[in-house]
Amino acid sequence: MSNIFDTKPPAEEPAPLVDEALAATDRSADGHADLQALKAEIAQLREAVRSTARGAGRMALHEVRGRVEEQPIMAAVSVGLLAFLYGITR
């Protein structure tokens, strides 16, 4: 009979499921850091696109104003034609 008060430590047994779980946790932490980095990069890209769009809009508006000042009669005819076409389609 074995003694229940045996002080000998149990033999080390391999624990593959524990090792797999720990490895998955490490991968999850790495994936979380990668995800946060991607989110930050997307935010930077979004802001860059917004500022580029704002600049392009300002530039287009400036160009249109310049053309209207150069050729005011042509601008009035163009607006009249667009208004006429819009009225026909409604």
N, C-alpha and C. Protein backbone atom coordinates (compact mmCIF):
# COMPACT_ATOMS: atom_id res chain seq x y z
N MET A 1 0.82 -1.18 0.00
CA MET A 1 0.00 0.00 0.00
C MET A 1 0.87 1.24 0.00
N SER A 2 0.36 2.28 -0.69
CA SER A 2 1.16 3.49 -0.75
C SER A 2 0.74 4.41 0.39
N ASN A 3 1.65 5.16 0.80
CA ASN A 3 1.43 6.08 1.88
C ASN A 3 0.83 7.38 1.29
N ILE A 4 -0.29 7.83 1.85
CA ILE A 4 -0.93 9.03 1.31
C ILE A 4 -0.17 10.29 1.70
N PHE A 5 0.72 10.17 2.64
CA PHE A 5 1.51 11.30 3.08
C PHE A 5 2.88 11.30 2.43
N ASP A 6 2.98 10.64 1.28
CA ASP A 6 4.25 10.57 0.57
C ASP A 6 4.62 11.97 0.10
N THR A 7 5.79 12.47 0.45
CA THR A 7 6.22 13.83 0.14
C THR A 7 6.97 13.91 -1.17
N LYS A 8 7.08 12.84 -1.86
CA LYS A 8 7.79 12.84 -3.13
C LYS A 8 6.96 13.59 -4.17
N PRO A 9 7.55 14.56 -4.91
CA PRO A 9 6.78 15.30 -5.91
C PRO A 9 6.35 14.38 -7.05
N PRO A 10 5.21 14.66 -7.66
CA PRO A 10 4.77 13.83 -8.77
C PRO A 10 5.70 14.00 -9.95
N ALA A 11 5.76 12.98 -10.76
CA ALA A 11 6.62 13.01 -11.95
C ALA A 11 6.07 14.02 -12.95
N GLU A 12 6.96 14.71 -13.62
CA GLU A 12 6.56 15.69 -14.64
C GLU A 12 5.98 14.94 -15.83
N GLU A 13 4.78 15.29 -16.17
CA GLU A 13 4.14 14.70 -17.33
C GLU A 13 4.01 15.78 -18.40
N PRO A 14 4.19 15.42 -19.63
CA PRO A 14 4.02 16.43 -20.68
C PRO A 14 2.56 16.87 -20.73
N ALA A 15 2.35 18.14 -20.98
CA ALA A 15 1.00 18.69 -21.03
C ALA A 15 0.82 19.40 -22.37
N PRO A 16 0.59 18.65 -23.43
CA PRO A 16 0.52 19.28 -24.75
C PRO A 16 -0.66 20.25 -24.88
N LEU A 17 -1.77 19.98 -24.25
CA LEU A 17 -2.90 20.89 -24.36
C LEU A 17 -2.61 22.23 -23.69
N VAL A 18 -1.92 22.18 -22.58
CA VAL A 18 -1.56 23.42 -21.90
C VAL A 18 -0.58 24.21 -22.75
N ASP A 19 0.38 23.52 -23.34
CA ASP A 19 1.35 24.19 -24.20
C ASP A 19 0.65 24.83 -25.40
N GLU A 20 -0.31 24.11 -25.97
CA GLU A 20 -1.05 24.67 -27.11
C GLU A 20 -1.87 25.89 -26.69
N ALA A 21 -2.48 25.82 -25.53
CA ALA A 21 -3.28 26.95 -25.04
C ALA A 21 -2.39 28.16 -24.80
N LEU A 22 -1.23 27.95 -24.20
CA LEU A 22 -0.31 29.06 -23.97
C LEU A 22 0.20 29.66 -25.27
N ALA A 23 0.47 28.81 -26.25
CA ALA A 23 0.93 29.30 -27.54
C ALA A 23 -0.18 30.10 -28.23
N ALA A 24 -1.42 29.64 -28.11
CA ALA A 24 -2.54 30.36 -28.71
C ALA A 24 -2.72 31.72 -28.04
N THR A 25 -2.51 31.79 -26.74
CA THR A 25 -2.62 33.05 -26.02
C THR A 25 -1.54 34.02 -26.49
N ASP A 26 -0.34 33.52 -26.68
CA ASP A 26 0.74 34.37 -27.18
C ASP A 26 0.42 34.88 -28.58
N ARG A 27 -0.11 34.02 -29.43
CA ARG A 27 -0.46 34.44 -30.79
C ARG A 27 -1.58 35.47 -30.75
N SER A 28 -2.52 35.27 -29.83
CA SER A 28 -3.64 36.21 -29.71
C SER A 28 -3.14 37.58 -29.28
N ALA A 29 -2.20 37.62 -28.36
CA ALA A 29 -1.65 38.90 -27.92
C ALA A 29 -0.89 39.57 -29.05
N ASP A 30 -0.14 38.80 -29.83
CA ASP A 30 0.57 39.37 -30.98
C ASP A 30 -0.43 39.88 -32.01
N GLY A 31 -1.49 39.13 -32.23
CA GLY A 31 -2.51 39.54 -33.19
C GLY A 31 -3.21 40.81 -32.74
N HIS A 32 -3.43 40.94 -31.44
CA HIS A 32 -4.07 42.15 -30.91
C HIS A 32 -3.19 43.37 -31.14
N ALA A 33 -1.90 43.22 -30.92
CA ALA A 33 -0.97 44.33 -31.15
C ALA A 33 -0.94 44.69 -32.63
N ASP A 34 -0.95 43.68 -33.49
CA ASP A 34 -0.96 43.94 -34.94
C ASP A 34 -2.25 44.65 -35.34
N LEU A 35 -3.36 44.23 -34.75
CA LEU A 35 -4.64 44.85 -35.06
C LEU A 35 -4.66 46.31 -34.64
N GLN A 36 -4.12 46.60 -33.47
CA GLN A 36 -4.05 48.00 -33.01
C GLN A 36 -3.18 48.84 -33.93
N ALA A 37 -2.06 48.26 -34.40
CA ALA A 37 -1.18 48.98 -35.31
C ALA A 37 -1.89 49.25 -36.64
N LEU A 38 -2.64 48.28 -37.13
CA LEU A 38 -3.40 48.48 -38.38
C LEU A 38 -4.47 49.54 -38.22
N LYS A 39 -5.15 49.55 -37.08
CA LYS A 39 -6.17 50.57 -36.84
C LYS A 39 -5.55 51.97 -36.83
N ALA A 40 -4.39 52.09 -36.21
CA ALA A 40 -3.72 53.39 -36.17
C ALA A 40 -3.30 53.82 -37.58
N GLU A 41 -2.81 52.88 -38.37
CA GLU A 41 -2.40 53.21 -39.73
C GLU A 41 -3.61 53.60 -40.59
N ILE A 42 -4.72 52.92 -40.41
CA ILE A 42 -5.94 53.25 -41.15
C ILE A 42 -6.41 54.65 -40.78
N ALA A 43 -6.32 55.00 -39.51
CA ALA A 43 -6.72 56.35 -39.08
C ALA A 43 -5.83 57.41 -39.74
N GLN A 44 -4.53 57.14 -39.83
CA GLN A 44 -3.63 58.08 -40.47
C GLN A 44 -3.94 58.21 -41.96
N LEU A 45 -4.21 57.09 -42.62
CA LEU A 45 -4.55 57.12 -44.04
C LEU A 45 -5.85 57.87 -44.29
N ARG A 46 -6.83 57.64 -43.42
CA ARG A 46 -8.12 58.32 -43.54
C ARG A 46 -7.93 59.83 -43.46
N GLU A 47 -7.12 60.29 -42.52
CA GLU A 47 -6.87 61.72 -42.37
C GLU A 47 -6.13 62.27 -43.59
N ALA A 48 -5.19 61.50 -44.13
CA ALA A 48 -4.46 61.94 -45.32
C ALA A 48 -5.41 62.07 -46.52
N VAL A 49 -6.33 61.14 -46.67
CA VAL A 49 -7.29 61.20 -47.77
C VAL A 49 -8.21 62.41 -47.59
N ARG A 50 -8.65 62.65 -46.37
CA ARG A 50 -9.52 63.80 -46.13
C ARG A 50 -8.83 65.11 -46.47
N SER A 51 -7.59 65.26 -46.04
CA SER A 51 -6.88 66.51 -46.31
C SER A 51 -6.61 66.66 -47.80
N THR A 52 -6.33 65.56 -48.49
CA THR A 52 -6.12 65.62 -49.94
C THR A 52 -7.41 66.01 -50.65
N ALA A 53 -8.53 65.45 -50.21
CA ALA A 53 -9.82 65.77 -50.83
C ALA A 53 -10.17 67.24 -50.59
N ARG A 54 -9.89 67.73 -49.38
CA ARG A 54 -10.16 69.14 -49.10
C ARG A 54 -9.33 70.03 -50.01
N GLY A 55 -8.06 69.70 -50.17
CA GLY A 55 -7.17 70.48 -51.03
C GLY A 55 -7.62 70.44 -52.48
N ALA A 56 -8.04 69.26 -52.95
CA ALA A 56 -8.51 69.14 -54.33
C ALA A 56 -9.79 69.93 -54.54
N GLY A 57 -10.68 69.91 -53.56
CA GLY A 57 -11.92 70.68 -53.66
C GLY A 57 -11.65 72.17 -53.72
N ARG A 58 -10.73 72.63 -52.91
CA ARG A 58 -10.39 74.06 -52.92
C ARG A 58 -9.77 74.45 -54.26
N MET A 59 -8.91 73.58 -54.77
CA MET A 59 -8.25 73.87 -56.02
C MET A 59 -9.26 73.91 -57.17
N ALA A 60 -10.20 72.98 -57.20
CA ALA A 60 -11.22 72.97 -58.24
C ALA A 60 -12.11 74.20 -58.15
N LEU A 61 -12.48 74.58 -56.95
CA LEU A 61 -13.31 75.78 -56.76
C LEU A 61 -12.56 77.03 -57.23
N HIS A 62 -11.29 77.10 -56.91
CA HIS A 62 -10.46 78.24 -57.34
C HIS A 62 -10.39 78.29 -58.87
N GLU A 63 -10.24 77.13 -59.50
CA GLU A 63 -10.16 77.07 -60.96
C GLU A 63 -11.48 77.50 -61.61
N VAL A 64 -12.60 77.04 -61.04
CA VAL A 64 -13.91 77.42 -61.58
C VAL A 64 -14.13 78.92 -61.45
N ARG A 65 -13.78 79.45 -60.31
CA ARG A 65 -13.93 80.90 -60.11
C ARG A 65 -13.07 81.69 -61.11
N GLY A 66 -11.87 81.19 -61.35
CA GLY A 66 -10.99 81.84 -62.32
C GLY A 66 -11.58 81.83 -63.72
N ARG A 67 -12.15 80.71 -64.11
CA ARG A 67 -12.75 80.63 -65.45
C ARG A 67 -13.99 81.52 -65.56
N VAL A 68 -14.78 81.59 -64.50
CA VAL A 68 -15.97 82.45 -64.51
C VAL A 68 -15.55 83.91 -64.65
N GLU A 69 -14.47 84.29 -63.96
CA GLU A 69 -14.00 85.68 -64.07
C GLU A 69 -13.45 85.97 -65.46
N GLU A 70 -12.81 84.96 -66.09
CA GLU A 70 -12.24 85.15 -67.43
C GLU A 70 -13.34 85.22 -68.49
N GLN A 71 -14.36 84.36 -68.37
CA GLN A 71 -15.40 84.26 -69.38
C GLN A 71 -16.78 84.25 -68.71
N PRO A 72 -17.26 85.39 -68.25
CA PRO A 72 -18.53 85.41 -67.53
C PRO A 72 -19.74 85.05 -68.40
N ILE A 73 -19.70 85.40 -69.68
CA ILE A 73 -20.85 85.09 -70.55
C ILE A 73 -20.94 83.58 -70.76
N MET A 74 -19.80 82.93 -70.99
CA MET A 74 -19.79 81.48 -71.17
C MET A 74 -20.28 80.78 -69.90
N ALA A 75 -19.93 81.30 -68.75
CA ALA A 75 -20.39 80.72 -67.48
C ALA A 75 -21.89 80.85 -67.35
N ALA A 76 -22.44 82.01 -67.72
CA ALA A 76 -23.89 82.21 -67.64
C ALA A 76 -24.63 81.29 -68.60
N VAL A 77 -24.09 81.12 -69.81
CA VAL A 77 -24.71 80.22 -70.79
C VAL A 77 -24.67 78.79 -70.27
N SER A 78 -23.54 78.38 -69.68
CA SER A 78 -23.41 77.01 -69.15
C SER A 78 -24.41 76.77 -68.03
N VAL A 79 -24.56 77.73 -67.14
CA VAL A 79 -25.52 77.59 -66.03
C VAL A 79 -26.93 77.53 -66.57
N GLY A 80 -27.24 78.36 -67.57
CA GLY A 80 -28.57 78.33 -68.18
C GLY A 80 -28.86 76.99 -68.85
N LEU A 81 -27.88 76.44 -69.55
CA LEU A 81 -28.05 75.15 -70.20
C LEU A 81 -28.28 74.05 -69.17
N LEU A 82 -27.50 74.07 -68.11
CA LEU A 82 -27.67 73.06 -67.06
C LEU A 82 -29.04 73.19 -66.39
N ALA A 83 -29.49 74.41 -66.16
CA ALA A 83 -30.81 74.62 -65.56
C ALA A 83 -31.92 74.13 -66.49
N PHE A 84 -31.75 74.38 -67.79
CA PHE A 84 -32.73 73.91 -68.76
C PHE A 84 -32.81 72.38 -68.78
N LEU A 85 -31.63 71.73 -68.81
CA LEU A 85 -31.60 70.26 -68.81
C LEU A 85 -32.19 69.69 -67.52
N TYR A 86 -31.89 70.33 -66.41
CA TYR A 86 -32.45 69.88 -65.13
C TYR A 86 -33.98 70.02 -65.14
N GLY A 87 -34.48 71.13 -65.69
CA GLY A 87 -35.93 71.35 -65.75
C GLY A 87 -36.62 70.34 -66.65
N ILE A 88 -35.99 69.94 -67.73
CA ILE A 88 -36.58 68.95 -68.65
C ILE A 88 -36.67 67.59 -67.98
N THR A 89 -35.66 67.21 -67.21
CA THR A 89 -35.63 65.86 -66.61
C THR A 89 -36.54 65.74 -65.40
N ARG A 90 -37.03 66.83 -64.87
CA ARG A 90 -37.89 66.77 -63.69
C ARG A 90 -39.29 66.69 -64.08
